[in-house]
Amino acid sequence: MNKQPSDELGVTVAGCAIGIGSALMTCFLLYLNGSLVLAVISALSAGENDLLQDKRIAQCLLFLVPVILVVIEWMMIDYVRTRFVRRSR
């Protein structure tokens, strides 16, 4: 069978849509994770925790933990997707 130009365009548009959707989902997850980590750091630093009083450690946690959480969340999404979605043959 010969491929039609419209078939290639549809595949390209679908690939771009999936890429944009993944990027938007990642941005949303980073926003939520950053908000959560900032709230936890603020709550813990209000107490007598000397470790989080250091601004360098708090900033390091604020930048690293949301990214680590996004990686874990994407791994969970992939796991759930492969367990519950059947692929057509």
C-alpha atoms as a PDB file:
ATOM      1  CA  MET A   1       0.000   0.000   0.000  1.00  0.00           C
ATOM      2  CA  ASN A   2       1.140   3.505  -0.723  1.00  0.00           C
ATOM      3  CA  LYS A   3       1.142   6.036   2.056  1.00  0.00           C
ATOM      4  CA  GLN A   4      -0.915   9.104   1.463  1.00  0.00           C
ATOM      5  CA  PRO A   5       0.474  12.537   2.426  1.00  0.00           C
ATOM      6  CA  SER A   6      -2.524  12.980   4.742  1.00  0.00           C
ATOM      7  CA  ASP A   7      -1.459   9.837   6.665  1.00  0.00           C
ATOM      8  CA  GLU A   8       1.996  11.293   7.312  1.00  0.00           C
ATOM      9  CA  LEU A   9       0.483  14.606   8.368  1.00  0.00           C
ATOM     10  CA  GLY A  10      -1.858  12.852  10.799  1.00  0.00           C
ATOM     11  CA  VAL A  11       1.002  10.923  12.356  1.00  0.00           C
ATOM     12  CA  THR A  12       3.045  14.117  12.680  1.00  0.00           C
ATOM     13  CA  VAL A  13       0.170  16.023  14.275  1.00  0.00           C
ATOM     14  CA  ALA A  14      -0.515  13.153  16.695  1.00  0.00           C
ATOM     15  CA  GLY A  15       3.166  13.008  17.677  1.00  0.00           C
ATOM     16  CA  CYS A  16       3.279  16.766  18.273  1.00  0.00           C
ATOM     17  CA  ALA A  17       0.060  16.619  20.317  1.00  0.00           C
ATOM     18  CA  ILE A  18       1.467  13.838  22.496  1.00  0.00           C
ATOM     19  CA  GLY A  19       4.714  15.772  23.004  1.00  0.00           C
ATOM     20  CA  ILE A  20       2.908  18.982  23.921  1.00  0.00           C
ATOM     21  CA  GLY A  21       0.551  17.079  26.226  1.00  0.00           C
ATOM     22  CA  SER A  22       3.473  15.413  27.999  1.00  0.00           C
ATOM     23  CA  ALA A  23       5.242  18.751  28.440  1.00  0.00           C
ATOM     24  CA  LEU A  24       2.096  20.386  29.837  1.00  0.00           C
ATOM     25  CA  MET A  25       1.516  17.465  32.209  1.00  0.00           C
ATOM     26  CA  THR A  26       5.116  17.674  33.410  1.00  0.00           C
ATOM     27  CA  CYS A  27       4.814  21.432  34.012  1.00  0.00           C
ATOM     28  CA  PHE A  28       1.603  20.915  35.982  1.00  0.00           C
ATOM     29  CA  LEU A  29       3.191  18.168  38.094  1.00  0.00           C
ATOM     30  CA  LEU A  30       6.263  20.345  38.748  1.00  0.00           C
ATOM     31  CA  TYR A  31       4.001  23.183  39.867  1.00  0.00           C
ATOM     32  CA  LEU A  32       2.079  20.934  42.267  1.00  0.00           C
ATOM     33  CA  ASN A  33       5.220  19.278  43.603  1.00  0.00           C
ATOM     34  CA  GLY A  34       6.991  22.613  44.075  1.00  0.00           C
ATOM     35  CA  SER A  35       4.007  23.981  45.984  1.00  0.00           C
ATOM     36  CA  LEU A  36       3.887  20.887  48.171  1.00  0.00           C
ATOM     37  CA  VAL A  37       7.612  20.962  48.931  1.00  0.00           C
ATOM     38  CA  LEU A  38       7.519  24.691  49.694  1.00  0.00           C
ATOM     39  CA  ALA A  39       4.617  24.168  52.107  1.00  0.00           C
ATOM     40  CA  VAL A  40       6.434  21.305  53.843  1.00  0.00           C
ATOM     41  CA  ILE A  41       9.666  23.314  54.111  1.00  0.00           C
ATOM     42  CA  SER A  42       7.775  26.306  55.514  1.00  0.00           C
ATOM     43  CA  ALA A  43       5.975  24.145  58.060  1.00  0.00           C
ATOM     44  CA  LEU A  44       9.139  22.339  59.163  1.00  0.00           C
ATOM     45  CA  SER A  45      11.276  25.470  59.335  1.00  0.00           C
ATOM     46  CA  ALA A  46       8.744  27.164  61.623  1.00  0.00           C
ATOM     47  CA  GLY A  47       9.620  24.619  64.292  1.00  0.00           C
ATOM     48  CA  GLU A  48      12.969  24.029  65.931  1.00  0.00           C
ATOM     49  CA  ASN A  49      14.481  22.184  62.983  1.00  0.00           C
ATOM     50  CA  ASP A  50      17.981  23.664  62.626  1.00  0.00           C
ATOM     51  CA  LEU A  51      18.646  21.824  59.371  1.00  0.00           C
ATOM     52  CA  LEU A  52      15.987  23.727  57.409  1.00  0.00           C
ATOM     53  CA  GLN A  53      16.976  27.101  58.886  1.00  0.00           C
ATOM     54  CA  ASP A  54      19.932  27.088  56.494  1.00  0.00           C
ATOM     55  CA  LYS A  55      18.684  28.760  53.294  1.00  0.00           C
ATOM     56  CA  ARG A  56      21.087  26.772  51.098  1.00  0.00           C
ATOM     57  CA  ILE A  57      19.671  23.425  52.185  1.00  0.00           C
ATOM     58  CA  ALA A  58      16.086  24.629  51.888  1.00  0.00           C
ATOM     59  CA  GLN A  59      16.740  25.942  48.374  1.00  0.00           C
ATOM     60  CA  CYS A  60      18.478  22.723  47.345  1.00  0.00           C
ATOM     61  CA  LEU A  61      15.487  20.712  48.568  1.00  0.00           C
ATOM     62  CA  LEU A  62      13.089  23.093  46.838  1.00  0.00           C
ATOM     63  CA  PHE A  63      14.767  22.512  43.482  1.00  0.00           C
ATOM     64  CA  LEU A  64      15.629  18.807  43.727  1.00  0.00           C
ATOM     65  CA  VAL A  65      12.637  17.171  45.407  1.00  0.00           C
ATOM     66  CA  PRO A  66       9.962  18.312  42.879  1.00  0.00           C
ATOM     67  CA  VAL A  67      12.042  16.967  39.982  1.00  0.00           C
ATOM     68  CA  ILE A  68      12.560  13.645  41.746  1.00  0.00           C
ATOM     69  CA  LEU A  69       8.827  13.492  42.452  1.00  0.00           C
ATOM     70  CA  VAL A  70       8.018  14.127  38.764  1.00  0.00           C
ATOM     71  CA  VAL A  71      10.239  11.222  37.735  1.00  0.00           C
ATOM     72  CA  ILE A  72       8.512   8.952  40.269  1.00  0.00           C
ATOM     73  CA  GLU A  73       5.069  10.162  39.145  1.00  0.00           C
ATOM     74  CA  TRP A  74       5.846   9.459  35.482  1.00  0.00           C
ATOM     75  CA  MET A  75       7.081   5.985  36.430  1.00  0.00           C
ATOM     76  CA  MET A  76       3.788   5.398  38.265  1.00  0.00           C
ATOM     77  CA  ILE A  77       1.782   6.688  35.293  1.00  0.00           C
ATOM     78  CA  ASP A  78       3.662   4.348  32.945  1.00  0.00           C
ATOM     79  CA  TYR A  79       3.155   1.410  35.296  1.00  0.00           C
ATOM     80  CA  VAL A  80      -0.594   2.012  35.587  1.00  0.00           C
ATOM     81  CA  ARG A  81      -0.918   2.582  31.846  1.00  0.00           C
ATOM     82  CA  THR A  82       0.819  -0.686  30.995  1.00  0.00           C
ATOM     83  CA  ARG A  83      -1.227  -2.655  33.552  1.00  0.00           C
ATOM     84  CA  PHE A  84      -4.704  -1.415  32.694  1.00  0.00           C
ATOM     85  CA  VAL A  85      -4.559  -0.440  29.016  1.00  0.00           C
ATOM     86  CA  ARG A  86      -4.509  -3.255  26.503  1.00  0.00           C
ATOM     87  CA  ARG A  87      -2.673  -2.770  23.284  1.00  0.00           C
ATOM     88  CA  SER A  88      -4.443  -3.628  20.062  1.00  0.00           C
ATOM     89  CA  ARG A  89      -2.583  -5.900  17.688  1.00  0.00           C
END
